[in-house]
Amino acid sequence: MKASPASKRSGILAGGNWIIDQVKIIDTYPGLEQLANIRSQSQGSGGSPYNVLVNLSKLGAEFPLLGAGLVGKDPLGEQIVADCARHRIDTKHVKGTADAPTSYTDVMTIGSNGKRTFFHLRGANAQWDGKDLDFNRIKARIFHLGYLLLLDKMDAIGKDGVTQASKVLAAAQAAGLKTSIDVVSEASDRFKAVVTPALKFCDYAIINEYEAGMVTGFKIRKEGVLDTVSLRHAAGAILQHGVKELVVIHFPEGCFARTRDGKDHWQTSLKVPAKAIAGTAGAGDAFCAGVLYGLHEAWDLQKCLLTGVCAAAASLSDPTCTGGMKPLAAVQALQKKYGVRPPLEPNEDF
């Protein structure tokens, strides 16, 4: 079957980690053999495709939303499928397996500052390889894959030296989809072996400053301060690895984007007061959802980035990854409510 032209495609297919987050608000992070008190507990979505798609639904995206991945044939897997149905997310490519449980994460969030620690069961996600996806039959415009480094079979390097994720992304591009990736902030030396090969089959790379630094070797944050020179160098290096259109690097202060033609875009984040922050668990995926919304709709890139930081600000209002998301107009109105931080560089032009 011939690939559909991009102009005839519509919707976002997001594949990868499907996780149930058990978010526990604690009073302090204890040392070994010490006790901390759980002040409250809530359950929510976790994983890049799950969070991004639910956020897009809550933003009010009118284009098709499709999920892909693997869950266990268990109550948590049933919860995910039912939740997707409530958010009009097509789950025909989210398969069930009896060989592994649905993935879950215990998210320990310190109530006073929102800082998080994760205890993760990889579960069924570790078995998903994406081989069941026929992109010529899938009519989505964008395929978003995440998180690399947390998908065992996708991260596996074959005898030909190519990761399975690279092959899946290449197949999506060959069929006419735009491809997007996100990465987990893992403390390891696997970034260059797993992430770098996938970049050449990627149209959009949307990652945070830690991940960008790990891929490229640039130290983007020095003694807690963002180094904007290293940030720009890292974005350029990621483009050199083969990203076809756009690199977006986000961080608490905002985001930076560089396009294939060398144009730079800055956007600072909103000045959300500490008392309005219930948790930061879903901010990165919320940002990603906002940017992908705009890319799908062919918005001006600056509008995409502004929507991303507004969506991230909305996410901060709830301890779960998607509980704070609101319709697009309400999310964009947060810019006026909170205002934006000062420019990161003197030559920024907003």
C-alpha atoms as a PDB file:
ATOM      1  CA  MET A   1       0.000   0.000   0.000  1.00  0.00           C
ATOM      2  CA  LYS A   2       1.263   3.483  -0.865  1.00  0.00           C
ATOM      3  CA  ALA A   3       2.038   5.852   1.971  1.00  0.00           C
ATOM      4  CA  SER A   4      -0.594   8.508   2.532  1.00  0.00           C
ATOM      5  CA  PRO A   5       0.590  12.076   1.902  1.00  0.00           C
ATOM      6  CA  ALA A   6       1.103  13.990   5.149  1.00  0.00           C
ATOM      7  CA  SER A   7      -1.604  16.457   4.112  1.00  0.00           C
ATOM      8  CA  LYS A   8      -4.174  13.653   4.151  1.00  0.00           C
ATOM      9  CA  ARG A   9      -3.072  12.391   7.530  1.00  0.00           C
ATOM     10  CA  SER A  10      -4.623  13.500  10.808  1.00  0.00           C
ATOM     11  CA  GLY A  11      -4.087  12.647  14.446  1.00  0.00           C
ATOM     12  CA  ILE A  12      -1.343  11.689  16.857  1.00  0.00           C
ATOM     13  CA  LEU A  13      -0.358   8.082  17.552  1.00  0.00           C
ATOM     14  CA  ALA A  14       1.649   7.814  20.773  1.00  0.00           C
ATOM     15  CA  GLY A  15       3.407   4.581  21.683  1.00  0.00           C
ATOM     16  CA  GLY A  16       5.639   3.391  24.484  1.00  0.00           C
ATOM     17  CA  ASN A  17       5.213   3.280  28.255  1.00  0.00           C
ATOM     18  CA  TRP A  18       1.723   2.741  29.719  1.00  0.00           C
ATOM     19  CA  ILE A  19       1.997   3.121  33.464  1.00  0.00           C
ATOM     20  CA  ILE A  20      -0.245   3.594  36.471  1.00  0.00           C
ATOM     21  CA  ASP A  21       1.306   6.133  38.828  1.00  0.00           C
ATOM     22  CA  GLN A  22       0.657   5.775  42.528  1.00  0.00           C
ATOM     23  CA  VAL A  23       1.489   9.287  43.733  1.00  0.00           C
ATOM     24  CA  LYS A  24       2.231   9.538  47.434  1.00  0.00           C
ATOM     25  CA  ILE A  25       2.725  12.957  49.046  1.00  0.00           C
ATOM     26  CA  ILE A  26       5.252  12.520  51.845  1.00  0.00           C
ATOM     27  CA  ASP A  27       6.566  14.879  54.513  1.00  0.00           C
ATOM     28  CA  THR A  28      10.232  14.092  53.909  1.00  0.00           C
ATOM     29  CA  TYR A  29      12.415  11.669  51.994  1.00  0.00           C
ATOM     30  CA  PRO A  30      13.779   9.243  54.598  1.00  0.00           C
ATOM     31  CA  GLY A  31      17.205   7.749  54.851  1.00  0.00           C
ATOM     32  CA  LEU A  32      17.688   3.987  54.982  1.00  0.00           C
ATOM     33  CA  GLU A  33      15.774   2.383  57.863  1.00  0.00           C
ATOM     34  CA  GLN A  34      14.040   5.684  58.617  1.00  0.00           C
ATOM     35  CA  LEU A  35      10.354   6.573  58.413  1.00  0.00           C
ATOM     36  CA  ALA A  36       8.433   9.151  56.394  1.00  0.00           C
ATOM     37  CA  ASN A  37       4.732   9.922  56.659  1.00  0.00           C
ATOM     38  CA  ILE A  38       2.411   9.611  53.659  1.00  0.00           C
ATOM     39  CA  ARG A  39       0.126  12.664  53.851  1.00  0.00           C
ATOM     40  CA  SER A  40      -2.064  11.754  50.865  1.00  0.00           C
ATOM     41  CA  GLN A  41      -2.238   9.340  47.953  1.00  0.00           C
ATOM     42  CA  SER A  42      -3.697   9.584  44.463  1.00  0.00           C
ATOM     43  CA  GLN A  43      -3.602   7.492  41.331  1.00  0.00           C
ATOM     44  CA  GLY A  44      -3.076   8.715  37.817  1.00  0.00           C
ATOM     45  CA  SER A  45      -1.638   8.092  34.394  1.00  0.00           C
ATOM     46  CA  GLY A  46       2.056   7.562  33.795  1.00  0.00           C
ATOM     47  CA  GLY A  47       4.289   7.085  30.800  1.00  0.00           C
ATOM     48  CA  SER A  48       4.815   9.245  27.748  1.00  0.00           C
ATOM     49  CA  PRO A  49       1.970   8.077  25.457  1.00  0.00           C
ATOM     50  CA  TYR A  50      -0.587   7.808  28.241  1.00  0.00           C
ATOM     51  CA  ASN A  51       0.179  11.255  29.649  1.00  0.00           C
ATOM     52  CA  VAL A  52       0.531  12.996  26.294  1.00  0.00           C
ATOM     53  CA  LEU A  53      -2.715  11.586  24.891  1.00  0.00           C
ATOM     54  CA  VAL A  54      -4.796  12.276  28.007  1.00  0.00           C
ATOM     55  CA  ASN A  55      -3.420  15.810  28.105  1.00  0.00           C
ATOM     56  CA  LEU A  56      -4.266  16.319  24.429  1.00  0.00           C
ATOM     57  CA  SER A  57      -7.787  15.093  25.096  1.00  0.00           C
ATOM     58  CA  LYS A  58      -8.191  17.469  28.036  1.00  0.00           C
ATOM     59  CA  LEU A  59      -6.796  20.331  25.972  1.00  0.00           C
ATOM     60  CA  GLY A  60      -9.647  19.654  23.569  1.00  0.00           C
ATOM     61  CA  ALA A  61      -7.721  18.397  20.543  1.00  0.00           C
ATOM     62  CA  GLU A  62     -10.253  17.638  17.833  1.00  0.00           C
ATOM     63  CA  PHE A  63      -7.974  15.371  15.790  1.00  0.00           C
ATOM     64  CA  PRO A  64      -7.766  11.575  16.356  1.00  0.00           C
ATOM     65  CA  LEU A  65      -5.802  10.320  19.360  1.00  0.00           C
ATOM     66  CA  LEU A  66      -4.383   6.782  19.202  1.00  0.00           C
ATOM     67  CA  GLY A  67      -2.316   4.744  21.628  1.00  0.00           C
ATOM     68  CA  ALA A  68       0.118   1.875  21.046  1.00  0.00           C
ATOM     69  CA  GLY A  69       1.844  -0.404  23.503  1.00  0.00           C
ATOM     70  CA  LEU A  70       1.339  -3.306  25.864  1.00  0.00           C
ATOM     71  CA  VAL A  71      -0.464  -3.691  29.185  1.00  0.00           C
ATOM     72  CA  GLY A  72      -1.067  -6.697  31.402  1.00  0.00           C
ATOM     73  CA  LYS A  73      -4.325  -8.612  31.411  1.00  0.00           C
ATOM     74  CA  ASP A  74      -5.047  -7.407  34.923  1.00  0.00           C
ATOM     75  CA  PRO A  75      -7.091  -4.755  36.762  1.00  0.00           C
ATOM     76  CA  LEU A  76      -4.539  -1.995  36.143  1.00  0.00           C
ATOM     77  CA  GLY A  77      -4.534  -2.764  32.426  1.00  0.00           C
ATOM     78  CA  GLU A  78      -8.324  -2.646  32.402  1.00  0.00           C
ATOM     79  CA  GLN A  79      -8.177   0.734  34.176  1.00  0.00           C
ATOM     80  CA  ILE A  80      -5.897   2.134  31.481  1.00  0.00           C
ATOM     81  CA  VAL A  81      -8.131   0.980  28.625  1.00  0.00           C
ATOM     82  CA  ALA A  82     -11.245   2.312  30.366  1.00  0.00           C
ATOM     83  CA  ASP A  83      -9.571   5.636  31.079  1.00  0.00           C
ATOM     84  CA  CYS A  84      -8.558   5.950  27.431  1.00  0.00           C
ATOM     85  CA  ALA A  85     -12.143   5.326  26.380  1.00  0.00           C
ATOM     86  CA  ARG A  86     -13.262   8.185  28.639  1.00  0.00           C
ATOM     87  CA  HIS A  87     -10.767  10.446  26.904  1.00  0.00           C
ATOM     88  CA  ARG A  88     -11.669   9.259  23.364  1.00  0.00           C
ATOM     89  CA  ILE A  89      -8.268   7.625  22.864  1.00  0.00           C
ATOM     90  CA  ASP A  90      -8.314   4.736  20.396  1.00  0.00           C
ATOM     91  CA  THR A  91      -6.638   1.708  22.035  1.00  0.00           C
ATOM     92  CA  LYS A  92      -6.814  -0.850  19.237  1.00  0.00           C
ATOM     93  CA  HIS A  93      -2.994  -0.823  19.152  1.00  0.00           C
ATOM     94  CA  VAL A  94      -2.706  -1.172  22.946  1.00  0.00           C
ATOM     95  CA  LYS A  95      -2.502  -4.935  23.323  1.00  0.00           C
ATOM     96  CA  GLY A  96      -2.899  -7.076  26.445  1.00  0.00           C
ATOM     97  CA  THR A  97      -0.549  -9.809  27.640  1.00  0.00           C
ATOM     98  CA  ALA A  98      -0.817 -12.474  30.322  1.00  0.00           C
ATOM     99  CA  ASP A  99       2.972 -12.794  30.457  1.00  0.00           C
ATOM    100  CA  ALA A 100       3.670  -9.634  32.437  1.00  0.00           C
ATOM    101  CA  PRO A 101       1.769  -7.262  34.733  1.00  0.00           C
ATOM    102  CA  THR A 102       0.787  -3.739  33.801  1.00  0.00           C
ATOM    103  CA  SER A 103       3.606  -1.363  34.603  1.00  0.00           C
ATOM    104  CA  TYR A 104       3.275   0.888  37.642  1.00  0.00           C
ATOM    105  CA  THR A 105       5.363   3.481  39.456  1.00  0.00           C
ATOM    106  CA  ASP A 106       5.322   4.593  43.074  1.00  0.00           C
ATOM    107  CA  VAL A 107       5.966   8.343  42.857  1.00  0.00           C
ATOM    108  CA  MET A 108       7.180   9.691  46.187  1.00  0.00           C
ATOM    109  CA  THR A 109       6.604  13.462  46.178  1.00  0.00           C
ATOM    110  CA  ILE A 110       7.839  15.687  49.002  1.00  0.00           C
ATOM    111  CA  GLY A 111       4.926  17.939  49.907  1.00  0.00           C
ATOM    112  CA  SER A 112       6.993  21.030  50.710  1.00  0.00           C
ATOM    113  CA  ASN A 113       8.860  21.310  47.399  1.00  0.00           C
ATOM    114  CA  GLY A 114       7.295  18.909  44.872  1.00  0.00           C
ATOM    115  CA  LYS A 115      10.530  16.959  44.336  1.00  0.00           C
ATOM    116  CA  ARG A 116       9.957  13.368  43.243  1.00  0.00           C
ATOM    117  CA  THR A 117      11.556   9.928  43.567  1.00  0.00           C
ATOM    118  CA  PHE A 118      10.339   7.009  41.448  1.00  0.00           C
ATOM    119  CA  PHE A 119      10.087   3.275  42.181  1.00  0.00           C
ATOM    120  CA  HIS A 120       9.184   1.627  38.887  1.00  0.00           C
ATOM    121  CA  LEU A 121       8.001  -1.826  37.757  1.00  0.00           C
ATOM    122  CA  ARG A 122       8.702  -2.148  34.025  1.00  0.00           C
ATOM    123  CA  GLY A 123       6.147  -4.921  33.553  1.00  0.00           C
ATOM    124  CA  ALA A 124       4.488  -5.360  30.161  1.00  0.00           C
ATOM    125  CA  ASN A 125       6.181  -2.273  28.696  1.00  0.00           C
ATOM    126  CA  ALA A 126       9.465  -4.187  28.618  1.00  0.00           C
ATOM    127  CA  GLN A 127       7.972  -6.636  26.097  1.00  0.00           C
ATOM    128  CA  TRP A 128       6.602  -4.157  23.547  1.00  0.00           C
ATOM    129  CA  ASP A 129       8.581  -3.996  20.293  1.00  0.00           C
ATOM    130  CA  GLY A 130       6.150  -2.173  18.002  1.00  0.00           C
ATOM    131  CA  LYS A 131       6.341  -4.842  15.309  1.00  0.00           C
ATOM    132  CA  ASP A 132       2.554  -5.024  15.181  1.00  0.00           C
ATOM    133  CA  LEU A 133       2.249  -1.459  13.862  1.00  0.00           C
ATOM    134  CA  ASP A 134       1.534  -1.145  10.122  1.00  0.00           C
ATOM    135  CA  PHE A 135       2.040   2.559   9.553  1.00  0.00           C
ATOM    136  CA  ASN A 136       0.702   2.395   6.014  1.00  0.00           C
ATOM    137  CA  ARG A 137      -2.660   1.477   7.503  1.00  0.00           C
ATOM    138  CA  ILE A 138      -2.480   4.012  10.341  1.00  0.00           C
ATOM    139  CA  LYS A 139      -3.717   7.428   9.252  1.00  0.00           C
ATOM    140  CA  ALA A 140      -2.129   9.521  12.020  1.00  0.00           C
ATOM    141  CA  ARG A 141       0.022  12.511  11.077  1.00  0.00           C
ATOM    142  CA  ILE A 142       2.527  12.199  13.955  1.00  0.00           C
ATOM    143  CA  PHE A 143       3.987   9.147  15.710  1.00  0.00           C
ATOM    144  CA  HIS A 144       5.353   9.987  19.158  1.00  0.00           C
ATOM    145  CA  LEU A 145       7.526   7.371  20.893  1.00  0.00           C
ATOM    146  CA  GLY A 146       8.551   7.506  24.546  1.00  0.00           C
ATOM    147  CA  TYR A 147      10.333   6.844  26.669  1.00  0.00           C
ATOM    148  CA  LEU A 148      13.528   5.614  25.082  1.00  0.00           C
ATOM    149  CA  LEU A 149      15.763   3.982  27.731  1.00  0.00           C
ATOM    150  CA  LEU A 150      12.663   2.594  29.478  1.00  0.00           C
ATOM    151  CA  LEU A 151      11.424   0.184  26.779  1.00  0.00           C
ATOM    152  CA  ASP A 152      13.595  -2.914  26.923  1.00  0.00           C
ATOM    153  CA  LYS A 153      12.782  -4.427  23.525  1.00  0.00           C
ATOM    154  CA  MET A 154      12.675  -1.032  21.794  1.00  0.00           C
ATOM    155  CA  ASP A 155      16.054  -0.164  23.305  1.00  0.00           C
ATOM    156  CA  ALA A 156      17.602  -3.502  22.302  1.00  0.00           C
ATOM    157  CA  ILE A 157      20.431  -3.252  19.776  1.00  0.00           C
ATOM    158  CA  GLY A 158      20.209  -5.858  17.021  1.00  0.00           C
ATOM    159  CA  LYS A 159      23.028  -7.748  15.333  1.00  0.00           C
ATOM    160  CA  ASP A 160      23.021  -5.044  12.673  1.00  0.00           C
ATOM    161  CA  GLY A 161      23.803  -2.462  15.357  1.00  0.00           C
ATOM    162  CA  VAL A 162      20.403  -0.780  14.996  1.00  0.00           C
ATOM    163  CA  THR A 163      17.934  -0.420  17.847  1.00  0.00           C
ATOM    164  CA  GLN A 164      14.385  -1.674  17.460  1.00  0.00           C
ATOM    165  CA  ALA A 165      13.130   1.849  18.177  1.00  0.00           C
ATOM    166  CA  SER A 166      15.120   3.117  15.197  1.00  0.00           C
ATOM    167  CA  LYS A 167      13.507   0.535  12.944  1.00  0.00           C
ATOM    168  CA  VAL A 168      10.006   1.430  14.116  1.00  0.00           C
ATOM    169  CA  LEU A 169      10.639   5.163  13.687  1.00  0.00           C
ATOM    170  CA  ALA A 170      12.104   4.544  10.223  1.00  0.00           C
ATOM    171  CA  ALA A 171       9.008   2.574   9.241  1.00  0.00           C
ATOM    172  CA  ALA A 172       6.773   5.401  10.419  1.00  0.00           C
ATOM    173  CA  GLN A 173       8.728   7.966   8.416  1.00  0.00           C
ATOM    174  CA  ALA A 174       8.721   5.759   5.326  1.00  0.00           C
ATOM    175  CA  ALA A 175       4.935   5.600   5.532  1.00  0.00           C
ATOM    176  CA  GLY A 176       4.675   9.392   5.628  1.00  0.00           C
ATOM    177  CA  LEU A 177       4.289  10.133   9.349  1.00  0.00           C
ATOM    178  CA  LYS A 178       6.266  12.747  11.222  1.00  0.00           C
ATOM    179  CA  THR A 179       8.087  11.157  14.152  1.00  0.00           C
ATOM    180  CA  SER A 180       8.740  12.469  17.656  1.00  0.00           C
ATOM    181  CA  ILE A 181      10.685  11.015  20.581  1.00  0.00           C
ATOM    182  CA  ASP A 182      11.041  11.549  24.299  1.00  0.00           C
ATOM    183  CA  VAL A 183      13.614  10.061  26.657  1.00  0.00           C
ATOM    184  CA  VAL A 184      13.650   9.090  30.323  1.00  0.00           C
ATOM    185  CA  SER A 185      16.140  10.902  32.574  1.00  0.00           C
ATOM    186  CA  GLU A 186      18.196   7.846  33.405  1.00  0.00           C
ATOM    187  CA  ALA A 187      21.539   8.053  35.181  1.00  0.00           C
ATOM    188  CA  SER A 188      23.499   5.757  32.874  1.00  0.00           C
ATOM    189  CA  ASP A 189      25.945   5.597  29.985  1.00  0.00           C
ATOM    190  CA  ARG A 190      23.350   4.189  27.557  1.00  0.00           C
ATOM    191  CA  PHE A 191      22.262   7.464  25.942  1.00  0.00           C
ATOM    192  CA  LYS A 192      24.690   7.384  23.026  1.00  0.00           C
ATOM    193  CA  ALA A 193      24.059   3.700  22.297  1.00  0.00           C
ATOM    194  CA  VAL A 194      20.263   3.823  22.526  1.00  0.00           C
ATOM    195  CA  VAL A 195      19.118   7.397  21.913  1.00  0.00           C
ATOM    196  CA  THR A 196      21.626   8.637  19.336  1.00  0.00           C
ATOM    197  CA  PRO A 197      20.793   6.002  16.654  1.00  0.00           C
ATOM    198  CA  ALA A 198      17.096   6.896  16.861  1.00  0.00           C
ATOM    199  CA  LEU A 199      17.689  10.598  16.183  1.00  0.00           C
ATOM    200  CA  LYS A 200      18.302  10.091  12.467  1.00  0.00           C
ATOM    201  CA  PHE A 201      14.750   8.714  12.152  1.00  0.00           C
ATOM    202  CA  CYS A 202      13.229  11.538  14.161  1.00  0.00           C
ATOM    203  CA  ASP A 203      11.528  14.719  12.902  1.00  0.00           C
ATOM    204  CA  TYR A 204      11.005  16.240  16.349  1.00  0.00           C
ATOM    205  CA  ALA A 205      13.125  15.608  19.461  1.00  0.00           C
ATOM    206  CA  ILE A 206      11.469  17.021  22.597  1.00  0.00           C
ATOM    207  CA  ILE A 207      13.651  16.336  25.643  1.00  0.00           C
ATOM    208  CA  ASN A 208      14.864  18.039  28.813  1.00  0.00           C
ATOM    209  CA  GLU A 209      18.244  19.641  29.455  1.00  0.00           C
ATOM    210  CA  TYR A 210      19.597  16.665  31.417  1.00  0.00           C
ATOM    211  CA  GLU A 211      18.781  14.258  28.602  1.00  0.00           C
ATOM    212  CA  ALA A 212      20.195  16.626  25.978  1.00  0.00           C
ATOM    213  CA  GLY A 213      23.401  16.846  27.970  1.00  0.00           C
ATOM    214  CA  MET A 214      23.667  13.085  28.325  1.00  0.00           C
ATOM    215  CA  VAL A 215      23.198  12.570  24.562  1.00  0.00           C
ATOM    216  CA  THR A 216      25.739  15.202  23.528  1.00  0.00           C
ATOM    217  CA  GLY A 217      28.216  15.420  26.396  1.00  0.00           C
ATOM    218  CA  PHE A 218      27.589  19.127  27.008  1.00  0.00           C
ATOM    219  CA  LYS A 219      27.152  20.223  30.620  1.00  0.00           C
ATOM    220  CA  ILE A 220      24.059  22.399  30.269  1.00  0.00           C
ATOM    221  CA  ARG A 221      23.541  23.167  33.948  1.00  0.00           C
ATOM    222  CA  LYS A 222      26.581  24.216  35.959  1.00  0.00           C
ATOM    223  CA  GLU A 223      26.283  24.603  39.737  1.00  0.00           C
ATOM    224  CA  GLY A 224      22.535  24.773  39.330  1.00  0.00           C
ATOM    225  CA  VAL A 225      22.655  27.536  36.706  1.00  0.00           C
ATOM    226  CA  LEU A 226      21.531  27.015  33.112  1.00  0.00           C
ATOM    227  CA  ASP A 227      24.403  27.511  30.645  1.00  0.00           C
ATOM    228  CA  THR A 228      22.669  28.904  27.562  1.00  0.00           C
ATOM    229  CA  VAL A 229      25.795  28.593  25.408  1.00  0.00           C
ATOM    230  CA  SER A 230      26.093  24.862  26.132  1.00  0.00           C
ATOM    231  CA  LEU A 231      22.351  24.563  25.620  1.00  0.00           C
ATOM    232  CA  ARG A 232      22.613  25.940  22.088  1.00  0.00           C
ATOM    233  CA  HIS A 233      25.599  23.729  21.334  1.00  0.00           C
ATOM    234  CA  ALA A 234      23.676  20.663  22.522  1.00  0.00           C
ATOM    235  CA  ALA A 235      20.693  21.481  20.303  1.00  0.00           C
ATOM    236  CA  GLY A 236      23.011  21.863  17.334  1.00  0.00           C
ATOM    237  CA  ALA A 237      24.721  18.556  18.099  1.00  0.00           C
ATOM    238  CA  ILE A 238      21.380  16.752  18.290  1.00  0.00           C
ATOM    239  CA  LEU A 239      20.448  18.143  14.878  1.00  0.00           C
ATOM    240  CA  GLN A 240      23.775  16.904  13.560  1.00  0.00           C
ATOM    241  CA  HIS A 241      22.825  13.415  14.707  1.00  0.00           C
ATOM    242  CA  GLY A 242      20.084  13.518  12.078  1.00  0.00           C
ATOM    243  CA  VAL A 243      16.917  15.068  13.544  1.00  0.00           C
ATOM    244  CA  LYS A 244      15.131  16.311  10.448  1.00  0.00           C
ATOM    245  CA  GLU A 245      13.144  19.339  11.557  1.00  0.00           C
ATOM    246  CA  LEU A 246      13.222  20.456  15.171  1.00  0.00           C
ATOM    247  CA  VAL A 247      14.966  20.020  18.525  1.00  0.00           C
ATOM    248  CA  VAL A 248      13.182  21.345  21.615  1.00  0.00           C
ATOM    249  CA  ILE A 249      14.965  21.292  24.969  1.00  0.00           C
ATOM    250  CA  HIS A 250      12.862  22.151  28.012  1.00  0.00           C
ATOM    251  CA  PHE A 251      13.869  23.002  31.560  1.00  0.00           C
ATOM    252  CA  PRO A 252      12.245  24.641  34.612  1.00  0.00           C
ATOM    253  CA  GLU A 253      13.135  28.131  33.363  1.00  0.00           C
ATOM    254  CA  GLY A 254      11.502  27.560  29.969  1.00  0.00           C
ATOM    255  CA  CYS A 255      12.578  26.027  26.675  1.00  0.00           C
ATOM    256  CA  PHE A 256      14.844  26.459  23.687  1.00  0.00           C
ATOM    257  CA  ALA A 257      14.211  25.251  20.148  1.00  0.00           C
ATOM    258  CA  ARG A 258      16.414  25.095  17.080  1.00  0.00           C
ATOM    259  CA  THR A 259      15.107  24.240  13.639  1.00  0.00           C
ATOM    260  CA  ARG A 260      16.908  22.426  10.853  1.00  0.00           C
ATOM    261  CA  ASP A 261      17.481  25.747   9.060  1.00  0.00           C
ATOM    262  CA  GLY A 262      19.321  27.075  12.107  1.00  0.00           C
ATOM    263  CA  LYS A 263      16.690  29.385  13.578  1.00  0.00           C
ATOM    264  CA  ASP A 264      16.642  29.657  17.377  1.00  0.00           C
ATOM    265  CA  HIS A 265      13.546  30.191  19.527  1.00  0.00           C
ATOM    266  CA  TRP A 266      13.413  30.878  23.276  1.00  0.00           C
ATOM    267  CA  GLN A 267      10.420  30.775  25.575  1.00  0.00           C
ATOM    268  CA  THR A 268      10.564  31.292  29.317  1.00  0.00           C
ATOM    269  CA  SER A 269       8.192  29.446  31.639  1.00  0.00           C
ATOM    270  CA  LEU A 270       5.349  30.965  33.643  1.00  0.00           C
ATOM    271  CA  LYS A 271       5.936  32.454  37.088  1.00  0.00           C
ATOM    272  CA  VAL A 272       3.846  29.906  38.981  1.00  0.00           C
ATOM    273  CA  PRO A 273       4.014  30.653  42.733  1.00  0.00           C
ATOM    274  CA  ALA A 274       5.235  27.861  44.997  1.00  0.00           C
ATOM    275  CA  LYS A 275       1.879  27.706  46.790  1.00  0.00           C
ATOM    276  CA  ALA A 276       0.189  26.809  43.476  1.00  0.00           C
ATOM    277  CA  ILE A 277       2.502  23.839  42.813  1.00  0.00           C
ATOM    278  CA  ALA A 278       1.086  20.496  43.950  1.00  0.00           C
ATOM    279  CA  GLY A 279       3.638  18.360  42.084  1.00  0.00           C
ATOM    280  CA  THR A 280       5.960  18.355  39.090  1.00  0.00           C
ATOM    281  CA  ALA A 281       5.471  14.734  38.024  1.00  0.00           C
ATOM    282  CA  GLY A 282       3.791  15.432  34.688  1.00  0.00           C
ATOM    283  CA  ALA A 283       5.247  18.777  33.653  1.00  0.00           C
ATOM    284  CA  GLY A 284       7.539  17.406  30.944  1.00  0.00           C
ATOM    285  CA  ASP A 285       4.829  15.343  29.269  1.00  0.00           C
ATOM    286  CA  ALA A 286       2.385  18.254  29.553  1.00  0.00           C
ATOM    287  CA  PHE A 287       4.916  20.492  27.816  1.00  0.00           C
ATOM    288  CA  CYS A 288       5.368  17.848  25.123  1.00  0.00           C
ATOM    289  CA  ALA A 289       1.605  17.592  24.611  1.00  0.00           C
ATOM    290  CA  GLY A 290       1.293  21.343  24.176  1.00  0.00           C
ATOM    291  CA  VAL A 291       4.092  21.466  21.606  1.00  0.00           C
ATOM    292  CA  LEU A 292       2.797  18.442  19.673  1.00  0.00           C
ATOM    293  CA  TYR A 293      -0.694  19.967  19.605  1.00  0.00           C
ATOM    294  CA  GLY A 294       0.723  23.025  17.870  1.00  0.00           C
ATOM    295  CA  LEU A 295       2.968  21.057  15.514  1.00  0.00           C
ATOM    296  CA  HIS A 296       0.020  18.941  14.432  1.00  0.00           C
ATOM    297  CA  GLU A 297      -2.022  22.079  13.763  1.00  0.00           C
ATOM    298  CA  ALA A 298       0.906  23.792  11.958  1.00  0.00           C
ATOM    299  CA  TRP A 299       1.029  26.704  14.392  1.00  0.00           C
ATOM    300  CA  ASP A 300       3.859  29.206  14.465  1.00  0.00           C
ATOM    301  CA  LEU A 301       6.679  27.620  16.476  1.00  0.00           C
ATOM    302  CA  GLN A 302       6.682  30.377  19.098  1.00  0.00           C
ATOM    303  CA  LYS A 303       2.987  29.686  19.756  1.00  0.00           C
ATOM    304  CA  CYS A 304       3.784  25.973  20.085  1.00  0.00           C
ATOM    305  CA  LEU A 305       6.444  26.678  22.701  1.00  0.00           C
ATOM    306  CA  LEU A 306       4.261  29.118  24.628  1.00  0.00           C
ATOM    307  CA  THR A 307       1.435  26.575  24.680  1.00  0.00           C
ATOM    308  CA  GLY A 308       3.936  24.010  25.945  1.00  0.00           C
ATOM    309  CA  VAL A 309       5.032  26.096  28.925  1.00  0.00           C
ATOM    310  CA  CYS A 310       1.402  27.014  29.696  1.00  0.00           C
ATOM    311  CA  ALA A 311       0.448  23.320  29.639  1.00  0.00           C
ATOM    312  CA  ALA A 312       3.369  22.544  31.948  1.00  0.00           C
ATOM    313  CA  ALA A 313       2.151  25.268  34.331  1.00  0.00           C
ATOM    314  CA  ALA A 314      -1.339  23.746  34.343  1.00  0.00           C
ATOM    315  CA  SER A 315       0.148  20.348  35.161  1.00  0.00           C
ATOM    316  CA  LEU A 316       1.834  21.743  38.274  1.00  0.00           C
ATOM    317  CA  SER A 317      -1.547  22.328  39.929  1.00  0.00           C
ATOM    318  CA  ASP A 318      -2.121  18.605  40.573  1.00  0.00           C
ATOM    319  CA  PRO A 319       0.152  15.884  42.006  1.00  0.00           C
ATOM    320  CA  THR A 320      -0.726  13.427  39.207  1.00  0.00           C
ATOM    321  CA  CYS A 321       0.613  13.690  35.666  1.00  0.00           C
ATOM    322  CA  THR A 322      -2.624  14.731  33.962  1.00  0.00           C
ATOM    323  CA  GLY A 323      -5.045  15.824  36.696  1.00  0.00           C
ATOM    324  CA  GLY A 324      -4.192  19.499  36.318  1.00  0.00           C
ATOM    325  CA  MET A 325      -4.748  19.784  32.572  1.00  0.00           C
ATOM    326  CA  LYS A 326      -7.538  22.068  31.341  1.00  0.00           C
ATOM    327  CA  PRO A 327      -9.079  23.067  27.997  1.00  0.00           C
ATOM    328  CA  LEU A 328      -6.717  24.937  25.685  1.00  0.00           C
ATOM    329  CA  ALA A 329      -8.217  28.407  26.253  1.00  0.00           C
ATOM    330  CA  ALA A 330      -7.923  28.032  30.040  1.00  0.00           C
ATOM    331  CA  VAL A 331      -4.347  26.779  29.725  1.00  0.00           C
ATOM    332  CA  GLN A 332      -3.338  29.672  27.471  1.00  0.00           C
ATOM    333  CA  ALA A 333      -5.005  32.105  29.918  1.00  0.00           C
ATOM    334  CA  LEU A 334      -2.437  31.085  32.552  1.00  0.00           C
ATOM    335  CA  GLN A 335       0.079  33.306  30.753  1.00  0.00           C
ATOM    336  CA  LYS A 336      -1.924  36.356  31.761  1.00  0.00           C
ATOM    337  CA  LYS A 337      -2.613  35.007  35.253  1.00  0.00           C
ATOM    338  CA  TYR A 338       0.985  34.274  36.184  1.00  0.00           C
ATOM    339  CA  GLY A 339       3.088  36.139  33.627  1.00  0.00           C
ATOM    340  CA  VAL A 340       6.309  34.786  32.100  1.00  0.00           C
ATOM    341  CA  ARG A 341       9.776  34.764  33.591  1.00  0.00           C
ATOM    342  CA  PRO A 342      12.330  37.323  32.365  1.00  0.00           C
ATOM    343  CA  PRO A 343      14.216  36.436  29.157  1.00  0.00           C
ATOM    344  CA  LEU A 344      17.094  34.010  29.547  1.00  0.00           C
ATOM    345  CA  GLU A 345      19.229  35.991  27.121  1.00  0.00           C
ATOM    346  CA  PRO A 346      19.371  39.732  26.401  1.00  0.00           C
ATOM    347  CA  ASN A 347      18.506  39.236  22.721  1.00  0.00           C
ATOM    348  CA  GLU A 348      15.319  37.235  23.313  1.00  0.00           C
ATOM    349  CA  ASP A 349      12.395  38.788  21.498  1.00  0.00           C
ATOM    350  CA  PHE A 350       8.889  37.847  22.670  1.00  0.00           C
END
